[in-house]
Protein backbone atom coordinates (compact mmCIF):
# COMPACT_ATOMS: atom_id res chain seq x y z
CA MET A 1 -0.27 0.10 -0.33
CA LYS A 2 1.54 3.41 -0.60
CA ASN A 3 0.62 6.28 0.98
CA PRO A 4 0.08 9.37 -0.59
CA LEU A 5 3.32 11.10 -0.76
CA GLY A 6 5.02 8.12 -2.60
CA SER A 7 6.46 6.24 0.59
CA PRO A 8 5.44 2.90 1.57
CA LEU A 9 2.94 2.80 4.35
CA SER A 10 4.34 0.12 6.78
CA PRO A 11 2.50 -1.52 9.55
CA HIS A 12 5.35 -2.50 11.44
CA VAL A 13 5.20 0.29 13.65
CA SER A 14 3.54 0.68 17.45
CA VAL A 15 2.24 3.90 18.54
CA ALA A 16 2.67 4.99 22.08
CA ILE A 17 0.78 7.93 23.01
CA LEU A 18 1.85 9.34 26.48
CA ALA A 19 -0.74 10.98 28.89
CA GLY A 20 0.84 10.86 32.25
CA GLY A 21 2.03 14.27 32.43
CA ARG A 22 0.41 16.41 35.05
CA SER A 23 -0.30 19.27 33.14
CA SER A 24 0.11 21.60 36.85
CA ARG A 25 -0.04 24.64 33.76
CA PHE A 26 -3.21 23.68 32.18
CA GLY A 27 -5.41 23.75 35.89
CA SER A 28 -6.59 20.41 34.79
CA ASN A 29 -5.65 16.95 32.54
CA LYS A 30 -5.36 18.75 29.39
CA ALA A 31 -5.91 15.17 27.43
CA LEU A 32 -9.21 15.85 28.29
CA ALA A 33 -9.32 18.64 27.55
CA ALA A 34 -12.85 19.72 24.65
CA TRP A 35 -11.40 19.66 21.19
CA LYS A 36 -14.03 19.90 18.29
CA ASP A 37 -16.94 17.16 19.62
CA GLY A 38 -14.89 15.10 22.14
CA ARG A 39 -11.28 15.52 23.67
CA VAL A 40 -7.72 16.61 22.79
CA ILE A 41 -6.27 12.95 23.69
CA ASP A 42 -9.19 11.26 21.02
CA ALA A 43 -7.41 13.76 18.34
CA VAL A 44 -4.38 12.39 18.76
CA ILE A 45 -5.72 8.95 18.56
CA SER A 46 -7.98 9.66 15.41
CA ALA A 47 -4.51 10.59 13.69
CA VAL A 48 -3.04 6.87 14.31
CA VAL A 49 -5.84 4.88 14.68
CA ASP A 50 -4.89 3.60 11.09
CA ILE A 51 -1.85 3.67 11.51
CA SER A 52 -1.17 0.55 13.46
CA GLY A 53 -2.78 -2.02 14.76
CA ASP A 54 -0.57 -1.53 18.42
CA THR A 55 -1.49 1.52 19.61
CA PHE A 56 -1.38 2.11 23.55
CA LEU A 57 -1.47 4.46 25.66
CA VAL A 58 1.22 4.48 28.71
CA THR A 59 -0.42 6.16 32.10
CA ASN A 60 -0.50 5.56 35.38
CA ASP A 61 -3.85 6.17 35.79
CA THR A 62 -5.65 4.18 33.64
CA GLY A 63 -9.06 6.01 35.13
CA PRO A 64 -9.65 8.70 33.17
CA TYR A 65 -9.11 6.80 29.92
CA ALA A 66 -11.27 4.16 30.63
CA GLY A 67 -13.40 4.83 28.01
CA ILE A 68 -10.94 4.48 25.31
CA GLU A 69 -10.60 1.28 24.10
CA VAL A 70 -6.34 1.35 23.13
CA ASP A 71 -4.24 -0.50 25.68
CA LYS A 72 -3.05 0.81 28.21
CA ILE A 73 -0.08 0.28 30.35
CA PRO A 74 1.78 1.71 33.10
CA ASP A 75 5.67 4.04 33.54
CA LEU A 76 8.14 1.14 34.64
CA ARG A 77 9.70 4.23 36.68
CA PRO A 78 6.44 6.31 37.84
CA GLY A 79 7.90 10.37 38.36
CA LEU A 80 10.18 10.33 36.35
CA GLY A 81 9.25 11.92 32.76
CA PRO A 82 8.84 10.96 29.14
CA LEU A 83 11.83 9.25 28.72
CA ALA A 84 10.07 6.50 31.87
CA GLY A 85 7.56 7.00 29.18
CA LEU A 86 9.63 6.06 25.87
CA GLU A 87 11.20 2.79 28.24
CA ALA A 88 7.47 1.61 28.89
CA ALA A 89 7.19 1.54 25.03
CA LEU A 90 9.56 0.21 23.78
CA ALA A 91 9.26 -2.24 26.73
CA HIS A 92 5.62 -3.21 26.13
CA SER A 93 5.38 -2.74 21.99
CA ARG A 94 4.25 -5.45 19.19
CA TYR A 95 7.46 -4.06 16.63
CA ASP A 96 10.42 -2.99 17.06
CA ARG A 97 10.02 0.65 16.09
CA VAL A 98 7.36 2.79 18.30
CA LEU A 99 5.78 6.06 17.32
CA LEU A 100 6.05 8.27 20.91
CA LEU A 101 3.30 11.03 21.13
CA ALA A 102 2.26 13.81 23.44
CA CYS A 103 -1.05 13.44 24.17
CA ASP A 104 -1.43 17.28 24.34
CA MET A 105 -0.83 18.11 20.84
CA PRO A 106 -4.28 18.13 18.94
CA LEU A 107 -3.54 19.85 15.57
CA VAL A 108 -1.00 16.54 14.84
CA SER A 109 -0.79 16.00 11.25
CA ARG A 110 -1.77 12.42 9.51
CA ARG A 111 0.52 12.86 6.89
CA LEU A 112 3.91 13.23 8.52
CA ILE A 113 3.02 10.77 10.53
CA ARG A 114 2.63 8.68 7.61
CA TYR A 115 5.49 9.88 5.80
CA MET A 116 7.85 9.20 9.03
CA THR A 117 6.46 5.66 9.08
CA GLY A 118 7.11 5.10 5.71
CA LEU A 119 10.73 6.37 6.09
CA PHE A 120 13.25 3.16 5.59
CA SER A 121 16.41 4.37 7.78
CA TRP A 122 19.05 2.61 9.20
CA ALA A 123 19.33 4.57 12.25
CA PRO A 124 17.51 4.32 15.49
CA CYS A 125 15.78 7.15 15.73
CA VAL A 126 13.77 9.28 12.88
CA ILE A 127 12.94 12.91 14.80
CA PRO A 128 11.22 16.53 13.17
CA GLN A 129 13.49 19.06 13.89
CA PRO A 130 11.11 22.15 12.80
CA ALA A 131 12.62 25.50 13.54
CA SER A 132 11.26 25.57 16.76
CA GLY A 133 13.93 22.68 17.87
CA LEU A 134 13.74 18.55 17.90
CA GLU A 135 10.32 17.46 18.77
CA PRO A 136 11.02 14.11 20.90
CA LEU A 137 7.59 13.82 21.87
CA HIS A 138 6.45 13.04 17.74
CA ALA A 139 9.29 10.67 16.90
CA ILE A 140 9.70 6.55 16.14
CA TYR A 141 12.37 4.72 17.70
CA HIS A 142 13.71 1.41 17.62
CA ARG A 143 14.17 -0.98 20.63
CA SER A 144 17.63 -1.07 20.43
CA LEU A 145 17.67 1.34 21.96
CA LEU A 146 15.71 0.43 25.45
CA PRO A 147 19.27 -0.41 27.20
CA LEU A 148 20.52 3.10 26.97
CA VAL A 149 17.10 4.56 27.72
CA ARG A 150 17.38 2.63 30.77
CA ARG A 151 21.00 3.64 31.97
CA ALA A 152 20.29 7.01 31.12
CA LEU A 153 17.39 6.69 34.40
CA ASP A 154 19.30 4.82 36.37
CA ASN A 155 21.78 7.81 36.48
CA ASN A 156 18.74 9.98 36.68
CA TRP A 157 19.01 11.60 33.37
CA LEU A 158 16.08 12.25 32.02
CA SER A 159 15.90 14.70 29.37
CA MET A 160 14.50 13.46 26.65
CA THR A 161 15.94 16.30 24.56
CA SER A 162 19.06 15.65 25.79
CA PHE A 163 18.67 12.03 25.17
CA VAL A 164 17.78 12.43 21.31
CA GLU A 165 20.93 14.85 20.68
CA THR A 166 22.55 12.18 21.56
CA LEU A 167 21.65 9.08 19.34
CA PRO A 168 22.28 8.60 15.23
CA ALA A 169 18.89 10.01 13.53
CA ARG A 170 17.27 10.66 9.95
CA ILE A 171 16.15 14.41 11.13
CA ILE A 172 13.15 15.47 9.41
CA ARG A 173 14.20 19.32 8.96
CA SER A 174 12.28 22.27 8.65
CA GLU A 175 12.36 22.72 5.19
CA GLU A 176 11.45 19.30 4.08
CA ILE A 177 8.70 19.62 6.21
CA SER A 178 7.53 22.66 4.43
CA MET A 179 8.17 20.39 0.88
CA LEU A 180 5.46 18.24 2.10
CA LYS A 181 3.15 20.80 2.98
CA ILE A 182 2.55 20.56 7.05
CA ASP A 183 1.61 23.16 8.54
CA LYS A 184 4.29 23.60 11.58
CA ASN A 185 1.44 24.41 13.82
CA CYS A 186 0.85 20.31 14.07
CA PHE A 187 3.69 20.53 16.64
CA ARG A 188 2.04 22.28 19.27
CA SER A 189 1.28 21.79 22.62
CA ALA A 190 -2.10 22.81 24.64
CA ASN A 191 -0.12 23.18 27.41
CA THR A 192 -2.60 25.98 29.12
CA PRO A 193 -6.13 27.24 28.62
CA LEU A 194 -5.37 30.13 26.16
CA GLU A 195 -2.84 27.72 24.15
CA LEU A 196 -6.12 25.96 23.62
CA GLU A 197 -8.11 28.12 22.48
CA ARG A 198 -5.56 29.63 20.40
CA LEU A 199 -5.32 25.68 18.97
CA LYS A 200 -9.05 26.22 18.28
CA GLY A 201 -8.83 29.03 16.53
CA ILE A 202 -6.35 27.70 13.82
CA TYR A 203 -8.00 25.28 13.24
CA GLN A 204 -10.92 27.28 12.92
CA ASP A 205 -9.41 29.32 10.08
CA ARG A 206 -8.09 26.42 8.83
CA THR A 207 -11.06 24.39 8.20
CA ILE A 208 -12.71 27.80 6.72
CA ALA A 209 -9.96 27.95 3.99
CA HIS A 210 -10.16 23.68 3.31
CA ALA A 211 -6.68 23.60 4.13
CA VAL A 212 -6.61 21.19 6.87
CA ASP A 213 -3.52 18.33 7.02
CA LEU A 214 -4.92 16.30 8.74
CA ASP A 215 -6.12 13.59 6.78
């Protein structure tokens, strides 16, 4: 099967959505904030539902997500942030490659995800780098990285960005993202209620302009 961009889709990619943040800046669980006719996390899941038969949430509190019909797995080391979430994802995944996504990016682009999963690369990490910098919570990681993740956690090295910067990676740079006609707002997170309202406005403007690249 071919994707619209001409690259072959690979079904052998697991999808892990990190839903374990404290949402301290948002004031409540941002993954469950209203978005369109559902919630922010529903928008993220809908963007990947046709990418993989192995999609799951990484969360230490399954209660709020009981109605979501995907597996929920806990961190192996609760409280250590997204790198611990990556550890759990790589340990649990059915496939060797894992697309790791944050739960708070409602404008996540199916086009970019299909492009990323269709890339063939020797590198154990495939990661976008728009003008704002590397996006470690919108990247593909190979299971072979699990020992390195565990070593970093053992040494209390918790920064995802710092960890990714040490890896051989296939970087999708800003120019490549622009060439694919992907809206760079797809990386924006709903970290605060104000930011969520801005993202809703962007979505509405794109819908009116018939320029939404979510499909």
